[in-house]
Amino acid sequence: MRKSFSHLVMIIGVLLAVAGLAAVVRLVNRSNFTTNRQARPNSVSVSTLLQAHGGRGDREWTRFRQEGTLSYHVEPLAGPQRRFERKINLSTDGPVVRYDRAALNINQSYLFDGSTTFQAGTQLDVKAVDGTEAASIKFQIATFGLLPILKRLSDPATQVIYVGATEKGDRFQVKTGGGSWYFYSNSNHLIDRLEVGEINITYGDYRTVDGLTLPFYQNVRKGETLLYELRFDTFELSPVFASGLKT
């Protein structure tokens, strides 16, 4: 069982290395660029997308909790393909994020304060992590569902450029200090695809939660290879974190 857990860690490590580690890490860093949401003929604005998802300002994005199940397959040396699952819980309170994951009787908790990633055991047992492990956690936090993306896009400091209509839908470019990543919206102005380097994330099964339209399913691929799938169980908007995220 520990072998399969190690296999997932290896998958994520390879994913980050191939996709361009520096660009992915900077995906979760706040951009210092000024707002660039240029008006073009027949263009679609970011505010239109936020409104399509039900956003009415910053309050929906600053504090939330979401839970889901990550599943992936392992090809054994012999025998049929095996499927594994792990439970994920992401809690966001302003700039602070707590990321909990459980699988194979192993529970792990991480904290991200906007710049540094910590592994949290107890309130008195918190240590900073770096390298591939930190990059992997930052990537998973930044792409765990659509709420972190909507939160980022609602920030006026995020530089977003409308590229134009494509076969995949309306294409937008997000510029960061480490490069660019792209997202697409469909005919209903709902974001349904994200591209970070060679990594493609697609969303589906949209439902309404407290007035917000959010996808309950996403898959993550490198090219045509499926890396893992996410199915969301619950979304909670504006929860009260009585004891804070560090405990």
Protein backbone atom coordinates (compact mmCIF):
# COMPACT_ATOMS: atom_id res chain seq x y z
CA MET A 1 0.00 0.00 0.00
CA ARG A 2 2.86 2.37 0.77
CA LYS A 3 4.21 1.58 -2.68
CA SER A 4 1.08 3.05 -4.28
CA PHE A 5 1.37 6.16 -2.09
CA SER A 6 4.96 6.60 -3.23
CA HIS A 7 3.82 6.09 -6.81
CA LEU A 8 1.40 9.03 -6.53
CA VAL A 9 4.12 11.25 -5.09
CA MET A 10 6.37 10.25 -7.99
CA ILE A 11 3.59 11.05 -10.52
CA ILE A 12 3.16 14.54 -9.12
CA GLY A 13 6.92 15.09 -9.03
CA VAL A 14 7.29 14.13 -12.67
CA LEU A 15 4.27 16.25 -13.56
CA LEU A 16 5.83 19.33 -12.05
CA ALA A 17 9.26 18.72 -13.53
CA VAL A 18 7.96 18.25 -17.05
CA ALA A 19 5.43 21.08 -16.95
CA GLY A 20 8.00 23.60 -15.84
CA LEU A 21 8.40 23.78 -12.10
CA ALA A 22 9.14 27.48 -11.87
CA ALA A 23 6.04 28.51 -13.83
CA VAL A 24 3.75 26.23 -11.81
CA VAL A 25 5.11 27.41 -8.49
CA ARG A 26 4.52 31.03 -9.43
CA LEU A 27 0.92 30.18 -10.28
CA VAL A 28 0.06 30.55 -6.59
CA ASN A 29 2.16 33.66 -5.97
CA ARG A 30 0.47 37.04 -6.11
CA SER A 31 1.34 38.95 -9.24
CA ASN A 32 2.91 42.40 -9.00
CA PHE A 33 1.64 43.37 -12.43
CA THR A 34 -1.03 46.04 -12.76
CA THR A 35 -4.42 45.09 -14.07
CA ASN A 36 -4.55 44.54 -17.83
CA ARG A 37 -8.07 43.63 -18.91
CA GLN A 38 -8.09 45.20 -22.30
CA ALA A 39 -11.35 45.99 -24.04
CA ARG A 40 -11.44 44.65 -27.59
CA PRO A 41 -14.24 44.38 -30.12
CA ASN A 42 -16.39 41.32 -29.30
CA SER A 43 -14.18 40.56 -26.30
CA VAL A 44 -15.35 38.87 -23.09
CA SER A 45 -14.38 40.47 -19.78
CA VAL A 46 -13.26 38.72 -16.62
CA SER A 47 -16.12 40.36 -14.75
CA THR A 48 -18.52 38.64 -17.17
CA LEU A 49 -17.01 35.27 -16.24
CA LEU A 50 -17.16 35.98 -12.51
CA GLN A 51 -20.79 37.03 -12.83
CA ALA A 52 -21.58 33.88 -14.84
CA HIS A 53 -20.25 31.84 -11.94
CA GLY A 54 -22.40 33.88 -9.55
CA GLY A 55 -19.72 36.16 -8.14
CA ARG A 56 -20.92 39.45 -6.70
CA GLY A 57 -17.68 40.76 -5.26
CA ASP A 58 -14.75 39.54 -3.17
CA ARG A 59 -16.69 38.02 -0.29
CA GLU A 60 -17.36 34.72 -2.05
CA TRP A 61 -13.68 34.04 -2.70
CA THR A 62 -11.88 35.09 0.48
CA ARG A 63 -13.06 32.29 2.79
CA PHE A 64 -14.18 28.82 1.78
CA ARG A 65 -13.81 25.12 2.45
CA GLN A 66 -14.07 22.30 -0.08
CA GLU A 67 -13.73 18.54 0.18
CA GLY A 68 -13.22 15.99 -2.55
CA THR A 69 -11.82 12.62 -3.56
CA LEU A 70 -8.74 12.30 -5.73
CA SER A 71 -8.47 9.05 -7.68
CA TYR A 72 -5.68 7.63 -9.81
CA HIS A 73 -4.69 4.34 -11.36
CA VAL A 74 -1.52 2.35 -10.96
CA GLU A 75 -0.25 -0.09 -13.56
CA PRO A 76 1.22 -3.06 -11.65
CA LEU A 77 4.02 -5.17 -13.07
CA ALA A 78 1.50 -7.98 -13.42
CA GLY A 79 -2.26 -8.21 -13.16
CA PRO A 80 -5.06 -5.70 -13.74
CA GLN A 81 -4.85 -1.95 -13.26
CA ARG A 82 -5.53 -0.83 -9.69
CA ARG A 83 -7.45 2.25 -8.62
CA PHE A 84 -6.58 4.26 -5.52
CA GLU A 85 -8.32 7.14 -3.80
CA ARG A 86 -7.43 9.79 -1.27
CA LYS A 87 -9.58 12.33 0.56
CA ILE A 88 -8.67 16.01 0.18
CA ASN A 89 -9.79 18.97 2.27
CA LEU A 90 -8.85 22.55 1.35
CA SER A 91 -9.68 25.46 3.68
CA THR A 92 -8.94 29.07 2.72
CA ASP A 93 -9.12 32.07 5.02
CA GLY A 94 -7.79 35.13 3.19
CA PRO A 95 -4.14 34.50 2.28
CA VAL A 96 -3.81 31.43 4.53
CA VAL A 97 -4.61 27.97 3.14
CA ARG A 98 -4.76 24.64 4.95
CA TYR A 99 -4.48 21.52 2.80
CA ASP A 100 -5.28 18.12 4.34
CA ARG A 101 -5.02 14.81 2.54
CA ALA A 102 -5.60 11.27 3.75
CA ALA A 103 -4.85 7.94 2.08
CA LEU A 104 -3.56 4.51 3.03
CA ASN A 105 -3.92 5.28 6.73
CA ILE A 106 -1.62 8.28 6.32
CA ASN A 107 -2.86 11.79 7.15
CA GLN A 108 -0.90 14.85 6.06
CA SER A 109 -1.59 18.53 6.68
CA TYR A 110 0.04 21.55 5.05
CA LEU A 111 -0.22 25.29 5.52
CA PHE A 112 0.50 27.91 2.88
CA ASP A 113 0.71 31.58 3.86
CA GLY A 114 1.10 33.00 0.37
CA SER A 115 4.86 32.55 0.19
CA THR A 116 5.98 29.61 2.32
CA THR A 117 4.65 26.06 2.64
CA PHE A 118 4.67 24.32 6.01
CA GLN A 119 3.91 20.75 7.02
CA ALA A 120 1.76 20.80 10.13
CA GLY A 121 1.70 18.04 12.70
CA THR A 122 0.34 19.90 15.70
CA GLN A 123 0.24 23.60 16.55
CA LEU A 124 3.73 23.19 18.04
CA ASP A 125 5.04 20.93 15.29
CA VAL A 126 5.17 23.02 12.11
CA LYS A 127 8.12 22.88 9.73
CA ALA A 128 8.79 24.59 6.42
CA VAL A 129 9.08 22.43 3.30
CA ASP A 130 10.73 23.32 0.02
CA GLY A 131 11.85 21.82 -3.27
CA THR A 132 9.66 19.36 -5.13
CA GLU A 133 7.40 18.68 -2.14
CA ALA A 134 6.56 22.37 -1.69
CA ALA A 135 6.05 22.84 -5.44
CA SER A 136 3.72 19.84 -5.54
CA ILE A 137 1.61 21.15 -2.65
CA LYS A 138 1.39 24.64 -4.16
CA PHE A 139 0.26 23.20 -7.48
CA GLN A 140 -2.42 21.06 -5.82
CA ILE A 141 -3.67 24.02 -3.77
CA ALA A 142 -3.79 26.34 -6.79
CA THR A 143 -5.69 23.83 -8.94
CA PHE A 144 -7.95 22.09 -6.40
CA GLY A 145 -11.28 22.97 -7.94
CA LEU A 146 -12.27 26.25 -9.53
CA LEU A 147 -12.65 28.37 -6.39
CA PRO A 148 -8.88 29.10 -6.09
CA ILE A 149 -8.88 30.17 -9.76
CA LEU A 150 -11.92 32.42 -9.31
CA LYS A 151 -10.34 33.90 -6.19
CA ARG A 152 -7.20 34.72 -8.17
CA LEU A 153 -9.12 36.21 -11.10
CA SER A 154 -11.16 38.43 -8.78
CA ASP A 155 -7.95 40.08 -7.58
CA PRO A 156 -7.51 43.36 -9.51
CA ALA A 157 -3.72 42.85 -9.41
CA THR A 158 -3.98 39.73 -11.59
CA GLN A 159 -3.06 40.50 -15.19
CA VAL A 160 -5.57 38.88 -17.53
CA ILE A 161 -5.69 39.34 -21.31
CA TYR A 162 -8.49 38.18 -23.58
CA VAL A 163 -6.80 36.29 -26.41
CA GLY A 164 -9.86 35.54 -28.56
CA ALA A 165 -12.35 32.90 -29.61
CA THR A 166 -11.02 29.40 -30.39
CA GLU A 167 -12.46 25.95 -31.07
CA LYS A 168 -12.10 25.27 -27.32
CA GLY A 169 -13.96 28.46 -26.38
CA ASP A 170 -12.92 31.97 -25.41
CA ARG A 171 -9.25 31.94 -24.47
CA PHE A 172 -7.64 34.09 -21.77
CA GLN A 173 -4.02 34.56 -20.82
CA VAL A 174 -2.87 35.13 -17.23
CA LYS A 175 0.59 36.65 -16.96
CA THR A 176 2.76 36.06 -13.90
CA GLY A 177 6.37 36.74 -13.00
CA GLY A 178 7.29 33.22 -14.15
CA GLY A 179 5.41 33.11 -17.45
CA SER A 180 1.82 32.64 -18.55
CA TRP A 181 -0.99 30.15 -18.16
CA TYR A 182 -4.32 30.01 -19.97
CA PHE A 183 -7.96 29.27 -19.32
CA TYR A 184 -11.06 28.91 -21.49
CA SER A 185 -14.73 29.68 -21.04
CA ASN A 186 -17.67 28.05 -22.79
CA SER A 187 -20.74 29.60 -24.45
CA ASN A 188 -22.27 30.19 -21.00
CA HIS A 189 -19.10 32.05 -19.92
CA LEU A 190 -18.23 29.30 -17.45
CA ILE A 191 -14.55 28.42 -17.10
CA ASP A 192 -14.17 24.82 -18.25
CA ARG A 193 -10.49 24.37 -19.09
CA LEU A 194 -7.09 25.35 -17.71
CA GLU A 195 -3.68 24.99 -19.38
CA VAL A 196 -0.40 25.22 -17.46
CA GLY A 197 2.47 24.24 -19.71
CA GLU A 198 1.78 20.68 -20.87
CA ILE A 199 -0.82 20.14 -18.16
CA ASN A 200 -4.50 20.34 -19.14
CA ILE A 201 -7.27 20.53 -16.55
CA THR A 202 -10.89 20.20 -17.61
CA TYR A 203 -14.00 20.79 -15.48
CA GLY A 204 -17.50 19.31 -15.62
CA ASP A 205 -20.68 18.49 -13.68
CA TYR A 206 -21.55 22.11 -12.84
CA ARG A 207 -23.95 22.68 -9.97
CA THR A 208 -25.18 25.67 -7.99
CA VAL A 209 -23.91 26.09 -4.43
CA ASP A 210 -25.21 29.08 -2.46
CA GLY A 211 -25.66 31.03 -5.68
CA LEU A 212 -22.29 30.04 -7.21
CA THR A 213 -21.99 27.78 -10.24
CA LEU A 214 -19.08 25.42 -9.62
CA PRO A 215 -17.79 22.21 -11.23
CA PHE A 216 -17.99 19.06 -9.12
CA TYR A 217 -15.59 17.17 -11.37
CA GLN A 218 -12.18 17.81 -12.90
CA ASN A 219 -9.47 15.74 -14.51
CA VAL A 220 -5.78 16.48 -14.90
CA ARG A 221 -3.85 15.28 -17.94
CA LYS A 222 -0.38 15.57 -19.38
CA GLY A 223 -1.04 15.41 -23.09
CA GLU A 224 -3.40 12.47 -23.54
CA THR A 225 -2.33 10.75 -20.33
CA LEU A 226 -4.78 10.96 -17.43
CA LEU A 227 -2.85 11.72 -14.23
CA TYR A 228 -5.74 11.91 -11.77
CA GLU A 229 -9.39 12.84 -11.34
CA LEU A 230 -11.15 14.89 -8.66
CA ARG A 231 -14.76 14.55 -7.58
CA PHE A 232 -15.96 17.14 -5.10
CA ASP A 233 -18.22 16.20 -2.22
CA THR A 234 -18.92 19.52 -0.52
CA PHE A 235 -18.35 23.25 -0.87
CA GLU A 236 -18.80 25.63 2.04
CA LEU A 237 -18.69 29.38 1.45
CA SER A 238 -17.75 31.86 4.18
CA PRO A 239 -17.29 29.23 6.91
CA VAL A 240 -16.29 30.27 10.41
CA PHE A 241 -12.91 28.86 11.42
CA ALA A 242 -13.36 29.11 15.16
CA SER A 243 -9.85 27.92 16.10
CA GLY A 244 -8.04 29.16 13.02
CA LEU A 245 -6.46 27.09 10.26
CA LYS A 246 -3.23 26.30 12.10
CA THR A 247 -4.77 23.91 14.60
